[in-house]
N, C-alpha and C. Protein backbone atom coordinates (compact mmCIF):
# COMPACT_ATOMS: atom_id res chain seq x y z
N MET A 1 8.61 4.26 5.44
CA MET A 1 7.78 3.30 4.73
C MET A 1 8.66 2.59 3.71
N ASP A 2 8.52 1.29 3.66
CA ASP A 2 9.29 0.50 2.70
C ASP A 2 8.60 0.47 1.35
N LYS A 3 9.38 0.28 0.31
CA LYS A 3 8.84 0.16 -1.04
C LYS A 3 7.95 -1.08 -1.11
N PHE A 4 6.89 -1.00 -1.91
CA PHE A 4 6.01 -2.15 -2.11
C PHE A 4 5.46 -2.13 -3.52
N TRP A 5 4.83 -3.24 -3.91
CA TRP A 5 4.24 -3.40 -5.23
C TRP A 5 2.81 -3.90 -5.05
N MET A 6 1.94 -3.51 -5.99
CA MET A 6 0.55 -3.97 -5.98
C MET A 6 0.18 -4.39 -7.40
N VAL A 7 -0.87 -5.19 -7.51
CA VAL A 7 -1.34 -5.64 -8.82
C VAL A 7 -2.71 -5.02 -9.07
N HIS A 8 -2.82 -4.34 -10.21
CA HIS A 8 -4.09 -3.74 -10.62
C HIS A 8 -4.60 -4.52 -11.82
N GLY A 9 -5.85 -4.96 -11.76
CA GLY A 9 -6.36 -5.80 -12.83
C GLY A 9 -7.57 -5.25 -13.53
N GLY A 10 -7.83 -5.82 -14.68
CA GLY A 10 -8.93 -5.40 -15.52
C GLY A 10 -10.25 -6.06 -15.17
N ILE A 11 -10.38 -6.58 -13.95
CA ILE A 11 -11.63 -7.24 -13.57
C ILE A 11 -12.46 -6.39 -12.62
N GLY A 12 -12.07 -5.13 -12.42
CA GLY A 12 -12.85 -4.21 -11.62
C GLY A 12 -12.51 -4.17 -10.14
N ALA A 13 -11.64 -5.04 -9.68
CA ALA A 13 -11.27 -5.03 -8.26
C ALA A 13 -10.14 -4.04 -8.01
N ARG A 14 -10.17 -3.40 -6.86
CA ARG A 14 -9.09 -2.48 -6.49
C ARG A 14 -7.93 -3.27 -5.90
N PRO A 15 -6.71 -2.81 -6.13
CA PRO A 15 -5.57 -3.49 -5.50
C PRO A 15 -5.60 -3.27 -3.99
N ILE A 16 -5.43 -4.34 -3.23
CA ILE A 16 -5.44 -4.22 -1.77
C ILE A 16 -4.22 -4.87 -1.11
N VAL A 17 -3.56 -5.77 -1.81
CA VAL A 17 -2.44 -6.50 -1.23
C VAL A 17 -1.14 -5.78 -1.55
N ARG A 18 -0.35 -5.50 -0.52
CA ARG A 18 0.98 -4.91 -0.71
C ARG A 18 2.00 -6.05 -0.74
N HIS A 19 2.65 -6.20 -1.88
CA HIS A 19 3.68 -7.23 -2.02
C HIS A 19 5.02 -6.65 -1.64
N ASN A 20 5.84 -7.43 -0.96
CA ASN A 20 7.14 -6.96 -0.50
C ASN A 20 8.22 -7.00 -1.56
N SER A 21 7.95 -7.64 -2.69
CA SER A 21 8.94 -7.71 -3.76
C SER A 21 8.25 -7.66 -5.11
N PHE A 22 9.01 -7.23 -6.12
CA PHE A 22 8.50 -7.22 -7.49
C PHE A 22 8.15 -8.63 -7.93
N GLU A 23 9.00 -9.59 -7.57
CA GLU A 23 8.77 -10.98 -7.99
C GLU A 23 7.46 -11.52 -7.43
N ASP A 24 7.15 -11.20 -6.17
CA ASP A 24 5.87 -11.64 -5.59
C ASP A 24 4.69 -11.03 -6.33
N ALA A 25 4.79 -9.75 -6.66
CA ALA A 25 3.71 -9.08 -7.39
C ALA A 25 3.57 -9.65 -8.80
N LYS A 26 4.69 -9.91 -9.44
CA LYS A 26 4.67 -10.49 -10.80
C LYS A 26 4.03 -11.88 -10.77
N GLN A 27 4.35 -12.66 -9.75
CA GLN A 27 3.76 -13.99 -9.61
C GLN A 27 2.24 -13.88 -9.40
N GLU A 28 1.81 -12.91 -8.61
CA GLU A 28 0.38 -12.72 -8.39
C GLU A 28 -0.33 -12.25 -9.66
N ALA A 29 0.30 -11.37 -10.42
CA ALA A 29 -0.28 -10.91 -11.69
C ALA A 29 -0.43 -12.09 -12.65
N THR A 30 0.56 -12.96 -12.67
CA THR A 30 0.51 -14.15 -13.53
C THR A 30 -0.62 -15.07 -13.09
N ARG A 31 -0.74 -15.29 -11.79
CA ARG A 31 -1.80 -16.16 -11.26
C ARG A 31 -3.18 -15.63 -11.63
N LEU A 32 -3.37 -14.32 -11.45
CA LEU A 32 -4.66 -13.72 -11.77
C LEU A 32 -4.96 -13.76 -13.27
N ALA A 33 -3.94 -13.55 -14.09
CA ALA A 33 -4.14 -13.60 -15.55
C ALA A 33 -4.56 -15.00 -15.99
N LEU A 34 -4.01 -16.01 -15.36
CA LEU A 34 -4.41 -17.38 -15.69
C LEU A 34 -5.86 -17.65 -15.30
N LEU A 35 -6.30 -17.04 -14.21
CA LEU A 35 -7.69 -17.22 -13.76
C LEU A 35 -8.69 -16.42 -14.57
N HIS A 36 -8.22 -15.34 -15.21
CA HIS A 36 -9.10 -14.42 -15.94
C HIS A 36 -8.54 -14.16 -17.34
N PRO A 37 -8.67 -15.15 -18.24
CA PRO A 37 -8.15 -14.98 -19.60
C PRO A 37 -8.74 -13.74 -20.27
N GLY A 38 -7.90 -13.00 -20.97
CA GLY A 38 -8.34 -11.80 -21.67
C GLY A 38 -8.25 -10.53 -20.84
N SER A 39 -8.05 -10.67 -19.54
CA SER A 39 -7.90 -9.49 -18.67
C SER A 39 -6.42 -9.22 -18.44
N ASP A 40 -6.08 -7.94 -18.38
CA ASP A 40 -4.68 -7.59 -18.13
C ASP A 40 -4.49 -7.23 -16.66
N PHE A 41 -3.31 -7.51 -16.15
CA PHE A 41 -2.97 -7.23 -14.76
C PHE A 41 -1.63 -6.51 -14.74
N THR A 42 -1.62 -5.32 -14.16
CA THR A 42 -0.44 -4.45 -14.16
C THR A 42 0.19 -4.43 -12.78
N VAL A 43 1.51 -4.56 -12.73
CA VAL A 43 2.24 -4.45 -11.47
C VAL A 43 2.58 -2.98 -11.25
N LEU A 44 2.14 -2.45 -10.11
CA LEU A 44 2.38 -1.06 -9.74
C LEU A 44 3.48 -1.01 -8.67
N GLU A 45 4.38 -0.03 -8.77
CA GLU A 45 5.47 0.11 -7.81
C GLU A 45 5.32 1.43 -7.06
N SER A 46 5.48 1.39 -5.75
CA SER A 46 5.46 2.63 -4.98
C SER A 46 6.74 3.40 -5.27
N VAL A 47 6.60 4.71 -5.45
CA VAL A 47 7.77 5.54 -5.75
C VAL A 47 7.96 6.65 -4.72
N GLY A 48 7.00 6.82 -3.83
CA GLY A 48 7.08 7.85 -2.81
C GLY A 48 5.72 8.03 -2.17
N TYR A 49 5.65 8.97 -1.21
CA TYR A 49 4.37 9.24 -0.56
C TYR A 49 4.34 10.66 -0.03
N CYS A 50 3.14 11.15 0.24
CA CYS A 50 2.95 12.48 0.82
C CYS A 50 2.61 12.30 2.29
N LEU A 51 3.05 13.24 3.09
CA LEU A 51 2.77 13.19 4.51
C LEU A 51 2.49 14.60 5.00
N LYS A 52 1.30 14.80 5.57
CA LYS A 52 0.95 16.09 6.16
C LYS A 52 0.97 15.91 7.67
N SER A 53 1.79 16.66 8.32
CA SER A 53 1.93 16.53 9.76
C SER A 53 1.75 17.90 10.40
N ASP A 54 0.61 18.09 11.06
CA ASP A 54 0.36 19.38 11.69
C ASP A 54 -0.24 19.27 13.09
N VAL A 55 -0.12 18.11 13.70
CA VAL A 55 -0.62 17.91 15.05
C VAL A 55 0.58 17.95 16.00
N THR A 56 0.48 18.73 17.05
CA THR A 56 1.56 18.85 18.02
C THR A 56 1.06 18.49 19.41
N TRP A 57 1.80 17.65 20.10
CA TRP A 57 1.48 17.30 21.48
C TRP A 57 2.23 18.26 22.39
N VAL A 58 1.51 18.83 23.35
CA VAL A 58 2.12 19.72 24.33
C VAL A 58 1.97 19.06 25.69
N GLN A 59 3.07 18.70 26.29
CA GLN A 59 3.05 18.04 27.60
C GLN A 59 2.90 19.09 28.70
N LEU A 60 1.92 18.90 29.58
CA LEU A 60 1.74 19.78 30.73
C LEU A 60 2.71 19.38 31.83
N PRO A 61 3.09 20.31 32.67
CA PRO A 61 3.92 19.95 33.83
C PRO A 61 3.18 18.91 34.67
N SER A 62 3.89 18.02 35.30
CA SER A 62 3.27 16.91 36.03
C SER A 62 2.30 17.39 37.11
N SER A 63 2.51 18.54 37.70
CA SER A 63 1.59 19.04 38.72
C SER A 63 0.22 19.37 38.13
N GLN A 64 0.14 19.71 36.85
CA GLN A 64 -1.13 20.05 36.22
C GLN A 64 -1.86 18.82 35.68
N ILE A 65 -1.16 17.73 35.48
CA ILE A 65 -1.78 16.53 34.92
C ILE A 65 -2.78 15.93 35.91
N ASN A 66 -2.49 15.97 37.19
CA ASN A 66 -3.35 15.36 38.21
C ASN A 66 -4.52 16.24 38.63
N ASP A 67 -4.56 17.48 38.20
CA ASP A 67 -5.64 18.39 38.61
C ASP A 67 -6.93 18.09 37.88
């Protein structure tokens, strides 16, 4: 997974857009702040993620697949 940035704002909406660069997120935060005077908009940066992997695929011999 590549690093991404999101904008969280004080207008009650959840961040949904993943920006590919800090500059893009900063520009979006600025745009939103201009549209909503008095509200703050914070740029969030991804720093890592959790992954739980416990599913295993077991391939059957080809003679058993057609049965």
